[in-house]
Protein backbone atom coordinates (compact mmCIF):
# COMPACT_ATOMS: atom_id res chain seq x y z
CA HIS A 1 12.38 -17.55 56.14
CA THR A 2 11.41 -14.08 57.32
CA ILE A 3 14.02 -11.61 58.58
CA SER A 4 12.79 -8.57 60.49
CA GLY A 5 16.14 -6.87 60.93
CA GLY A 6 19.53 -6.72 59.26
CA TRP A 7 21.59 -9.58 57.84
CA THR A 8 25.30 -10.14 58.51
CA ASN A 9 27.04 -13.13 56.97
CA ASN A 10 30.72 -13.85 57.44
CA GLY A 11 30.53 -17.44 56.21
CA VAL A 12 28.76 -19.15 53.31
CA PHE A 13 24.98 -19.02 52.98
CA SER A 14 23.24 -21.32 50.49
CA GLY A 15 19.53 -20.68 50.07
CA GLY A 16 18.83 -23.99 48.33
CA THR A 17 15.18 -23.84 47.28
CA SER A 18 14.07 -21.54 50.08
CA SER A 19 12.70 -18.00 50.05
CA VAL A 20 14.00 -15.23 52.27
CA VAL A 21 11.74 -12.27 53.05
CA PHE A 22 13.09 -9.07 54.59
CA ASN A 23 10.14 -7.28 56.19
CA SER A 24 11.77 -4.77 58.53
CA SER A 25 9.74 -1.55 58.76
CA THR A 26 11.21 0.03 61.89
CA GLY A 27 14.26 1.62 60.26
CA PHE A 28 16.94 1.15 57.67
CA ASP A 29 18.53 -2.32 57.62
CA GLU A 30 21.30 -3.86 55.56
CA ILE A 31 22.67 -7.08 54.15
CA GLY A 32 26.35 -7.01 55.08
CA GLY A 33 29.35 -9.04 56.16
CA ILE A 34 32.30 -10.54 54.30
CA GLY A 35 30.72 -13.91 53.57
CA ILE A 36 29.16 -15.43 50.46
CA ASN A 37 25.41 -14.96 50.02
CA ASN A 38 23.65 -17.40 47.66
CA PHE A 39 19.92 -16.73 47.80
CA ASN A 40 17.24 -18.61 45.92
CA ASP A 41 14.23 -16.27 46.12
CA ILE A 42 14.66 -12.98 47.91
CA THR A 43 11.87 -10.51 48.73
CA PHE A 44 11.98 -7.04 50.21
CA ALA A 45 8.50 -6.64 51.66
CA SER A 46 6.21 -3.65 51.62
CA GLY A 47 7.28 -1.04 54.13
CA ALA A 48 10.87 -2.24 54.35
CA GLN A 49 13.80 0.15 54.07
CA PHE A 50 16.79 -1.86 53.02
CA GLY A 51 20.20 -1.76 51.42
CA ILE A 52 23.09 -4.06 50.58
CA VAL A 53 26.74 -3.36 51.40
CA THR A 54 28.07 -6.69 50.15
CA ASP A 55 27.66 -8.88 47.09
CA ILE A 56 24.70 -11.22 46.74
CA ALA A 57 23.75 -13.94 44.25
CA VAL A 58 20.17 -14.84 43.34
CA ALA A 59 19.26 -18.12 41.64
CA GLY A 60 15.52 -17.48 41.68
CA ASN A 61 13.43 -14.30 41.89
CA LEU A 62 14.15 -10.87 43.32
CA THR A 63 10.95 -9.12 44.41
CA ASN A 64 11.07 -5.47 45.42
CA ASP A 65 7.98 -4.22 47.23
CA ALA A 66 10.03 -2.15 49.68
CA THR A 67 9.51 1.48 50.54
CA SER A 68 13.17 2.00 49.69
CA LEU A 69 15.83 -0.42 48.48
CA SER A 70 19.43 0.48 47.73
CA LEU A 71 21.35 -2.09 45.70
CA VAL A 72 24.09 0.27 44.56
CA ASN A 73 26.73 -0.63 47.18
CA GLY A 74 27.13 -4.26 46.22
CA GLU A 75 27.10 -6.54 43.20
CA VAL A 76 23.91 -8.48 42.43
CA THR A 77 24.44 -11.64 40.35
CA PHE A 78 21.66 -13.74 38.86
CA ASN A 79 22.92 -17.31 38.44
CA GLY A 80 21.61 -20.85 38.38
CA SER A 81 19.86 -22.80 35.65
CA GLY A 82 16.23 -21.73 36.08
CA LEU A 83 14.15 -18.67 35.23
CA SER A 84 14.70 -15.62 37.43
CA VAL A 85 12.27 -12.70 37.65
CA ILE A 86 13.05 -9.14 38.71
CA GLY A 87 9.66 -8.02 39.94
CA GLY A 88 7.65 -6.32 42.60
CA ALA A 89 5.84 -3.01 42.83
CA SER A 90 9.00 -0.89 43.07
CA VAL A 91 11.79 -0.31 40.55
CA CYS A 92 15.11 -1.97 41.33
CA SER A 93 18.15 0.30 41.12
CA PHE A 94 21.33 -1.76 40.91
CA GLY A 95 24.93 -0.68 41.23
CA ASP A 96 26.61 -3.60 39.49
CA LEU A 97 24.30 -6.13 37.86
CA VAL A 98 25.63 -9.47 36.58
CA ILE A 99 23.65 -11.95 34.47
CA ASP A 100 25.30 -15.38 34.60
CA LYS A 101 22.52 -17.87 33.93
CA SER A 102 23.26 -21.32 32.59
CA ALA A 103 21.07 -21.54 29.46
CA ALA A 104 18.32 -19.60 31.23
CA THR A 105 16.67 -16.18 31.37
CA VAL A 106 16.31 -13.29 33.76
CA ARG A 107 12.94 -11.67 33.03
CA MET A 108 12.14 -8.11 34.01
CA ASP A 109 8.57 -7.61 35.24
CA ASN A 110 9.29 -3.97 36.05
CA ASP A 111 11.72 -1.28 34.98
CA ALA A 112 15.27 -1.48 36.33
CA ASN A 113 18.23 0.90 36.63
CA VAL A 114 21.96 0.20 36.61
CA ALA A 115 24.18 2.92 38.06
CA SER A 116 27.59 1.36 37.53
CA THR A 117 28.07 -1.72 35.32
CA LEU A 118 26.01 -4.35 33.53
CA THR A 119 27.84 -7.62 32.91
CA LEU A 120 26.26 -10.21 30.60
CA THR A 121 28.32 -13.34 31.16
CA ASN A 122 25.79 -16.01 30.20
CA GLY A 123 22.06 -16.19 29.62
CA VAL A 124 19.39 -13.75 28.55
CA LEU A 125 18.12 -10.54 30.16
CA ALA A 126 14.58 -10.23 28.78
CA LEU A 127 13.17 -6.69 28.98
CA ASN A 128 9.59 -7.97 28.67
CA ALA A 129 8.09 -4.58 27.60
CA ASN A 130 10.02 -2.75 30.34
CA THR A 131 12.92 -0.28 30.33
CA LEU A 132 16.47 -1.05 31.42
CA ALA A 133 18.33 2.20 32.08
CA VAL A 134 22.14 2.30 32.34
CA THR A 135 23.02 5.69 33.82
CA ASN A 136 26.82 5.27 33.73
CA ALA A 137 27.80 7.41 30.73
CA THR A 138 31.02 5.56 29.92
CA ASP A 139 31.13 3.24 26.92
CA VAL A 140 32.53 0.40 29.10
CA ALA A 141 29.57 0.37 31.48
CA VAL A 142 28.18 -2.66 29.62
CA PHE A 143 30.29 -5.78 29.14
CA ARG A 144 29.30 -9.13 27.65
CA THR A 145 30.85 -12.55 27.19
CA ASN A 146 28.00 -14.75 25.95
CA GLY A 147 24.89 -13.11 27.35
CA TYR A 148 22.61 -10.58 25.68
CA VAL A 149 19.55 -8.36 26.15
CA LEU A 150 16.28 -9.44 24.56
CA SER A 151 14.03 -6.60 23.34
CA GLU A 152 11.59 -8.18 20.83
CA ASP A 153 8.41 -6.25 21.64
CA VAL A 154 6.31 -5.20 18.63
CA ASN A 155 5.10 -2.09 20.45
CA MET A 156 8.71 -0.97 20.99
CA ASN A 157 8.19 -0.89 24.76
CA SER A 158 11.21 -3.10 25.55
CA ARG A 159 13.71 -0.27 25.83
CA PHE A 160 17.43 -0.20 26.54
CA ASN A 161 18.28 3.33 27.70
CA TRP A 162 21.94 4.31 28.00
CA THR A 163 23.11 7.71 29.18
CA VAL A 164 25.68 8.96 26.67
CA ASN A 165 25.71 12.75 27.17
CA ASN A 166 28.63 14.31 25.23
CA ASN A 167 31.01 11.36 25.52
CA LEU A 168 32.48 10.86 22.03
CA ALA A 169 32.68 7.07 22.07
CA SER A 170 31.13 3.93 20.62
CA TYR A 171 28.27 2.40 22.65
CA GLU A 172 27.34 -1.22 21.91
CA PHE A 173 23.75 -2.08 22.86
CA PRO A 174 24.00 -5.88 23.40
CA PHE A 175 20.77 -7.10 21.81
CA GLY A 176 20.12 -10.70 20.85
CA SER A 177 17.33 -12.47 18.98
CA ASN A 178 14.83 -15.04 20.17
CA ALA A 179 16.93 -17.64 18.35
CA GLY A 180 20.04 -16.68 20.33
CA ASP A 181 21.89 -14.70 17.64
CA TYR A 182 23.90 -11.71 18.85
CA ILE A 183 22.73 -8.59 16.98
CA PRO A 184 24.15 -5.50 18.73
CA PHE A 185 23.13 -1.97 17.86
CA VAL A 186 26.06 0.47 17.93
CA PHE A 187 25.75 4.21 18.58
CA GLU A 188 28.98 6.14 18.00
CA LEU A 189 28.65 9.80 18.97
CA SER A 190 30.78 12.18 16.90
CA THR A 191 29.46 15.62 17.90
CA GLY A 192 26.90 17.17 20.22
CA ASP A 193 25.17 15.86 23.31
CA ALA A 194 23.08 12.70 22.93
CA GLY A 195 21.61 12.80 26.44
CA THR A 196 20.12 9.33 26.87
CA VAL A 197 19.93 7.04 23.83
CA SER A 198 16.83 4.83 23.93
CA VAL A 199 16.73 1.79 21.61
CA ALA A 200 14.26 -1.02 20.97
CA THR A 201 14.10 -3.63 18.23
CA TYR A 202 12.03 -6.61 17.13
CA ALA A 203 11.88 -9.19 14.36
CA THR A 204 8.91 -9.51 12.00
CA GLY A 205 7.40 -12.07 9.67
CA ALA A 206 8.54 -12.36 6.07
CA ASN A 207 6.10 -9.60 5.05
CA ASN A 208 7.54 -7.14 7.61
CA LEU A 209 4.43 -7.34 9.77
CA PRO A 210 3.58 -6.14 12.29
CA LEU A 211 4.79 -2.64 11.46
CA PRO A 212 6.21 -0.39 14.21
CA PRO A 213 3.88 2.08 15.92
CA GLY A 214 3.30 5.07 13.62
CA VAL A 215 4.57 3.33 10.47
CA ASN A 216 1.92 2.41 7.90
CA HIS A 217 3.78 0.77 5.02
CA VAL A 218 6.97 -0.62 3.49
CA LYS A 219 5.95 0.34 -0.04
CA ASP A 220 8.08 1.90 -2.74
CA GLN A 221 7.38 5.34 -4.21
CA PHE A 222 4.61 4.08 -6.46
CA GLY A 223 2.73 2.15 -3.81
CA VAL A 224 4.18 -1.28 -4.59
CA ASP A 225 4.87 -3.59 -1.65
CA ASN A 226 8.64 -3.65 -1.06
CA SER A 227 8.75 -6.18 1.77
CA ILE A 228 10.70 -8.65 -0.38
CA ASN A 229 13.60 -6.17 -0.32
CA THR A 230 13.21 -5.16 3.35
CA VAL A 231 14.95 -6.95 6.22
CA ASP A 232 12.58 -8.62 8.70
CA ARG A 233 13.54 -6.43 11.66
CA PHE A 234 12.73 -2.88 12.76
CA PHE A 235 14.55 -0.54 15.13
CA GLN A 236 13.33 2.38 17.24
CA ILE A 237 15.93 4.97 18.24
CA ASP A 238 15.08 7.99 20.37
CA ILE A 239 17.20 10.73 21.91
CA LEU A 240 16.05 11.79 25.39
CA GLY A 241 17.28 15.16 26.54
CA GLY A 242 20.04 15.46 23.94
CA THR A 243 21.16 18.55 22.04
CA THR A 244 21.77 18.18 18.27
CA PRO A 245 23.82 14.95 18.40
CA THR A 246 25.50 13.54 15.30
CA ALA A 247 26.32 9.85 15.35
CA ASN A 248 27.30 6.87 13.24
CA ILE A 249 24.84 4.05 13.88
CA THR A 250 25.24 0.36 13.06
CA PHE A 251 22.40 -2.12 12.68
CA ASN A 252 22.92 -5.88 12.97
CA MET A 253 20.37 -8.50 11.94
CA THR A 254 20.29 -12.28 11.83
CA ALA A 255 21.06 -14.16 8.63
CA ALA A 256 17.49 -15.49 8.60
CA GLU A 257 16.06 -11.96 8.84
CA VAL A 258 18.23 -10.73 5.95
CA GLY A 259 17.68 -13.76 3.74
CA SER A 260 18.92 -13.16 0.19
CA ILE A 261 18.91 -9.37 0.48
CA THR A 262 22.26 -7.73 -0.37
CA THR A 263 23.65 -4.18 -0.47
CA LEU A 264 21.95 -3.25 2.81
CA LEU A 265 20.87 0.34 3.46
CA GLY A 266 19.40 1.87 6.62
CA GLN A 267 16.34 4.07 6.18
CA ARG A 268 14.48 6.30 8.63
CA TRP A 269 10.72 6.77 8.89
CA ASN A 270 10.13 10.52 9.24
CA GLY A 271 6.54 10.29 10.43
CA THR A 272 5.01 10.35 6.94
CA PHE A 273 7.23 8.32 4.62
CA TRP A 274 10.63 6.63 4.43
CA ASP A 275 13.55 9.01 3.95
CA ALA A 276 15.98 8.21 1.16
CA PRO A 277 19.01 6.24 2.40
CA MET A 278 21.75 8.58 3.56
CA LEU A 279 24.90 8.60 1.46
CA GLY A 280 28.16 6.96 2.56
CA GLN A 281 26.70 3.82 4.13
CA THR A 282 28.81 0.67 4.44
CA SER A 283 27.33 -2.79 4.76
CA GLY A 284 28.25 -6.41 5.35
CA ALA A 285 26.18 -9.55 4.91
CA THR A 286 24.04 -8.86 8.01
CA SER A 287 24.98 -5.33 9.08
CA VAL A 288 24.97 -1.76 7.85
CA THR A 289 26.54 1.43 9.24
CA VAL A 290 24.87 4.78 8.57
CA PRO A 291 27.17 7.81 9.04
CA ASN A 292 26.38 11.32 10.28
CA VAL A 293 22.87 10.65 11.53
CA THR A 294 21.16 13.64 13.15
CA GLN A 295 17.52 12.50 13.15
CA PHE A 296 16.14 9.41 14.83
CA SER A 297 12.85 7.46 15.19
CA PRO A 298 11.85 4.15 13.52
CA TRP A 299 14.44 2.62 11.15
CA ALA A 300 14.32 -0.20 8.65
CA VAL A 301 16.98 -1.86 6.51
CA SER A 302 16.35 -2.40 2.80
CA GLY A 303 18.55 -3.81 0.07
CA ASN A 304 18.92 -5.38 -3.38
CA SER A 305 19.38 -1.81 -4.69
CA THR A 306 15.65 -1.34 -4.08
CA PRO A 307 15.27 1.18 -1.24
CA LEU A 308 11.88 1.72 0.29
CA PRO A 309 10.84 4.91 -1.43
CA ILE A 310 11.68 7.27 -4.18
CA THR A 311 8.76 9.07 -2.62
CA LEU A 312 6.30 10.54 -5.11
CA VAL A 313 4.53 13.15 -3.00
CA ASP A 314 1.99 14.30 -5.60
CA PHE A 315 1.14 14.05 -9.31
CA SER A 316 -1.51 16.28 -10.92
CA ALA A 317 -2.71 17.49 -14.31
CA ARG A 318 -4.52 20.76 -15.13
CA GLN A 319 -5.57 22.64 -18.23
CA VAL A 320 -4.34 26.19 -18.77
CA VAL A 321 -6.13 27.59 -21.86
CA ASN A 322 -4.67 25.49 -24.71
CA GLN A 323 -2.15 23.33 -22.86
CA ILE A 324 -2.00 20.71 -20.11
CA ILE A 325 0.39 21.30 -17.20
CA LEU A 326 1.65 18.20 -15.37
CA ASP A 327 3.18 18.79 -11.93
CA TRP A 328 4.75 16.23 -9.63
CA SER A 329 7.09 16.22 -6.64
CA THR A 330 9.38 13.72 -4.97
CA ALA A 331 10.46 13.80 -1.35
CA SER A 332 13.52 11.64 -2.00
CA GLU A 333 15.23 9.86 -4.88
CA ILE A 334 17.81 7.10 -5.28
CA ASP A 335 19.52 6.38 -8.64
CA ASN A 336 16.71 8.21 -10.48
CA ASP A 337 17.89 8.80 -14.07
CA TYR A 338 14.72 10.27 -15.60
CA PHE A 339 10.93 10.28 -15.78
CA GLU A 340 9.17 9.33 -18.99
CA ILE A 341 5.74 10.96 -19.38
CA GLU A 342 3.11 8.74 -20.97
CA LYS A 343 -0.34 9.69 -22.32
CA SER A 344 -3.50 7.76 -23.21
CA TYR A 345 -7.07 8.44 -24.28
CA ASP A 346 -8.46 5.12 -23.03
CA ALA A 347 -6.30 4.42 -19.93
CA LYS A 348 -5.05 1.25 -21.65
CA LYS A 349 -2.74 2.13 -24.52
CA PHE A 350 -0.12 4.68 -23.42
CA VAL A 351 2.43 6.44 -25.61
CA SER A 352 5.50 8.41 -24.57
CA ILE A 353 5.24 12.18 -25.05
CA GLY A 354 8.51 13.28 -23.44
CA THR A 355 11.06 12.87 -20.65
CA GLN A 356 12.19 14.85 -17.62
CA LYS A 357 15.66 14.42 -16.11
CA GLY A 358 15.63 13.06 -12.54
CA ALA A 359 17.68 14.26 -9.57
CA GLY A 360 19.75 11.07 -9.24
CA ASP A 361 20.26 10.84 -5.47
CA SER A 362 18.37 13.34 -3.36
CA ASP A 363 16.86 13.62 0.09
CA GLN A 364 15.28 17.00 -0.64
CA LEU A 365 11.81 17.87 -1.94
CA THR A 366 12.11 18.15 -5.75
CA HIS A 367 9.44 19.62 -8.04
CA TYR A 368 8.92 18.74 -11.71
CA ARG A 369 6.74 20.22 -14.49
CA PHE A 370 5.93 19.08 -18.01
CA THR A 371 3.72 20.83 -20.59
CA ASP A 372 1.59 18.94 -23.10
CA ARG A 373 0.52 21.25 -25.93
CA GLU A 374 -1.37 18.68 -27.99
CA LEU A 375 -4.97 18.96 -26.79
CA LYS A 376 -7.90 16.80 -27.76
CA GLU A 377 -11.35 17.38 -26.27
CA GLY A 378 -12.46 14.64 -23.88
CA THR A 379 -10.78 12.65 -21.13
CA VAL A 380 -7.03 12.21 -21.23
CA TYR A 381 -4.87 10.03 -18.95
CA TYR A 382 -1.25 10.49 -17.85
CA ARG A 383 1.27 8.38 -15.94
CA LEU A 384 4.98 8.56 -15.09
CA LYS A 385 7.57 5.91 -15.84
CA GLN A 386 10.48 6.36 -13.44
CA VAL A 387 13.72 4.93 -14.84
CA ASP A 388 16.86 4.19 -12.77
CA PHE A 389 20.43 4.48 -14.07
CA ASP A 390 20.54 0.69 -14.43
CA GLY A 391 17.44 0.68 -16.62
CA LYS A 392 14.99 -0.60 -14.01
CA SER A 393 11.65 1.20 -14.16
CA THR A 394 8.49 1.66 -12.12
CA MET A 395 5.11 3.07 -13.11
CA SER A 396 3.22 5.70 -11.15
CA HIS A 397 -0.50 5.82 -10.61
CA ILE A 398 -2.64 7.32 -13.40
CA VAL A 399 -4.12 10.84 -13.32
CA SER A 400 -6.96 11.90 -15.60
CA LEU A 401 -8.32 15.22 -16.84
CA ASN A 402 -11.40 16.25 -18.81
CA VAL A 403 -10.05 18.51 -21.56
CA ASN A 404 -12.30 21.36 -22.74
CA PRO A 405 -11.95 23.60 -25.80
CA ALA A 406 -9.55 26.47 -25.18
CA GLY A 407 -11.22 29.49 -23.60
CA LYS A 408 -14.06 27.59 -21.88
CA ILE A 409 -12.08 26.63 -18.79
CA GLU A 410 -12.12 29.36 -16.20
CA LEU A 411 -11.46 28.06 -12.69
CA GLN A 412 -9.87 24.94 -11.23
CA VAL A 413 -8.89 23.82 -7.74
CA PHE A 414 -6.35 21.02 -7.23
CA PRO A 415 -5.33 18.64 -5.80
CA ASN A 416 -8.59 17.52 -4.22
CA PRO A 417 -8.39 15.88 -1.68
CA THR A 418 -5.29 17.63 -0.35
CA THR A 419 -3.13 17.16 2.72
CA ASP A 420 -1.34 20.50 2.73
CA PHE A 421 -1.76 23.03 -0.11
CA LEU A 422 -4.70 23.83 -2.40
CA ASN A 423 -4.01 25.44 -5.79
CA ILE A 424 -6.53 27.66 -7.56
CA SER A 425 -5.96 28.59 -11.21
CA ASN A 426 -7.71 31.21 -13.35
CA GLN A 427 -7.45 29.61 -16.76
CA ASN A 428 -9.45 31.90 -19.03
CA GLY A 429 -6.38 33.85 -20.07
CA LEU A 430 -7.73 37.07 -18.52
CA SER A 431 -6.01 39.23 -15.93
CA ASP A 432 -8.89 39.40 -13.44
CA ASN A 433 -7.90 38.80 -9.84
CA VAL A 434 -9.17 35.72 -8.00
CA PHE A 435 -10.87 36.18 -4.62
CA VAL A 436 -11.11 33.09 -2.40
CA THR A 437 -13.22 32.48 0.72
CA MET A 438 -13.03 29.14 2.58
CA LEU A 439 -15.72 27.97 5.03
CA ASP A 440 -15.75 24.97 7.34
CA GLY A 441 -18.64 22.55 7.84
CA SER A 442 -20.42 24.93 10.22
CA GLY A 443 -20.28 27.82 7.75
CA LYS A 444 -17.54 29.67 9.61
CA VAL A 445 -15.02 31.55 7.46
CA VAL A 446 -11.61 30.02 8.14
CA MET A 447 -9.53 31.64 5.39
CA LYS A 448 -9.55 34.36 2.74
CA GLY A 449 -7.11 35.00 -0.10
CA GLU A 450 -6.56 37.01 -3.26
CA GLY A 451 -4.32 36.63 -6.29
CA ASN A 452 -4.21 36.42 -10.06
CA GLY A 453 -3.93 32.71 -10.80
CA ALA A 454 -3.49 33.19 -14.54
CA SER A 455 0.23 32.58 -15.03
CA GLU A 456 0.70 30.57 -11.81
CA PRO A 457 -1.93 29.01 -9.52
CA LEU A 458 -2.92 30.83 -6.34
CA THR A 459 -1.75 28.60 -3.47
CA ILE A 460 -3.73 28.26 -0.23
CA ASP A 461 -1.97 26.78 2.80
CA MET A 462 -4.28 24.27 4.51
CA ARG A 463 -1.71 22.60 6.75
CA ASN A 464 -3.08 24.19 9.94
CA LEU A 465 -6.69 23.23 9.20
CA ASN A 466 -8.29 20.14 10.69
CA PRO A 467 -9.11 17.24 8.36
CA GLY A 468 -12.62 17.51 6.97
CA THR A 469 -14.75 19.00 4.20
CA TYR A 470 -14.57 22.70 3.32
CA MET A 471 -16.52 24.90 0.90
CA VAL A 472 -14.33 27.18 -1.22
CA GLN A 473 -15.94 30.16 -2.99
CA VAL A 474 -13.87 31.51 -5.88
CA ILE A 475 -14.81 34.80 -7.56
CA THR A 476 -13.07 36.23 -10.62
CA GLY A 477 -14.56 38.99 -12.78
CA SER A 478 -18.24 38.16 -13.25
CA THR A 479 -17.74 34.46 -12.48
CA SER A 480 -18.39 32.88 -9.08
CA ARG A 481 -18.03 29.18 -8.30
CA ILE A 482 -18.18 27.08 -5.13
CA PHE A 483 -15.98 23.99 -4.80
CA ARG A 484 -16.21 21.21 -2.23
CA VAL A 485 -12.66 20.48 -0.99
CA VAL A 486 -11.56 17.66 1.30
CA LYS A 487 -8.61 18.15 3.69
CA ALA A 488 -7.24 14.64 4.24
CA GLU A 489 -5.19 13.46 7.22
């Protein structure tokens, strides 16, 4: 059926299996009246300017190709037992949207907005790599009985956006899994302005694959796969237009996704590595609440007292006259009692040469140094044994160094490759200054520096340089050397 004007119903309309197309293009028309409107498929054609001023129910598809369509002055209910699709070339902006499908799904083939309330009585609202935006900033704008929202897009494009602003309340994002489990995400604002909170989530395989966009591992601090202790679900949380919000956030997962993992802890990916779990978290069998969160982005949930990283940022060895200096740094630590430093001359049999107290729990960059004064000419190997308070330990990667007789070593650059800073040491025990010139691949001078480098290395900041190969000329006294240095991504 094609309607070229308005629609007024004061009785009961049952669309059966029919399709109704509103194609008016001569002015603004409305669906009105005090009757009951039960459509099957309803289409607002290209060029139409339409609005509703009464409630309508749709058992089939709603297609919006109209020039303008206002659905904010009436309630739109999707019911029936078959699949419904919200589609068309134009975005639908609802006032009150009700999902009441009998064991069926409403699939979004385009973005949709809800200005007043979203009611999930029964059935599934599948985002299908689109964004559902609830612009009512009250925490009661979304209500559910048995229904839920399905995100489940590995590219994190199935977004539920909810305007929160500065309303200090608890917002329950009503997600569900493909298996029908209810797994809400809860955002409870405590201070600040959250603007719009945008959330997506999806389940993974048992090895946590595929990873979220921008995340490249679920390894522990020493590069060991930690997927066995990581829940098979990721979350993406973004703040759009907010101003320094602080919130308590709660993650829920299915029992199958958690498996045998206990003592759950939420962890945030900061763009480079996994932050240490924030302190004060509380967890249940399939949920965890993280308090006082101020930074957002991808999140994972780990457990079994084996968080994703105690992140070892770097580990290096260098000779300074008649001693070896070992330097390492961690970006975060959990239950780290101490490091045991081990040494070998064949990279097979290691012996302990000392310990260094750890920071325990830390989410700050921590630097460590150990000095080995027992030198033997030739190649020497070092590794770190990180020991937790409960006695569990993990080994680092091995670093090696070619030890020369004292007095013969003059200049060293390290680490190489580097991602941020390059250190240059003058190790001949003299007080001559070190002059540094760095050139890019085209021979252009990109940096110059000067320092002593005898007691402490001269540090060159390479963070603003593009990844690639650079030539570094180092001059001290009568000695001049050129080093090839790689700036890694």
